């Protein structure tokens, strides 16, 4: 069982930056595919970024502005995934969720939420214009 807890959300002006963290417990993240998704009010949850053995993947809307990274450790002391967000825009306003996938098809970039087994509770990001 993997428990995920997001942090780092908040209020920021357009053009600003935030770094979201997703701390995991229960299992090392080194073998998991990790993703960030977001959900704005009244909208469906959408893919933001993913990282796994095949590399990093980004939604077109955040490419060049967001960076996903991971910090794995066998002792779980730094078992964390990050989402560095720069040049934030009002349309980035949403609840952001991290997710972990233990098994997925080799050819999948892990951009679909149905491929993920574990989810955090989310952290809010609000970008003012």
Foldseek 3Di string as FASTA:
>chain_A
DKAWAKDWADEEAQQAKIKMKIQIDDAWQQQKKKFKWWDAPPGDIFGAWIQDPVGIDGDPVQPPFKDKDADTDRVSPRRMIMIIGGSDDQVVWTWMKMFIANDDDPPDPPGDPVRTDDIYPTDTHGYHD
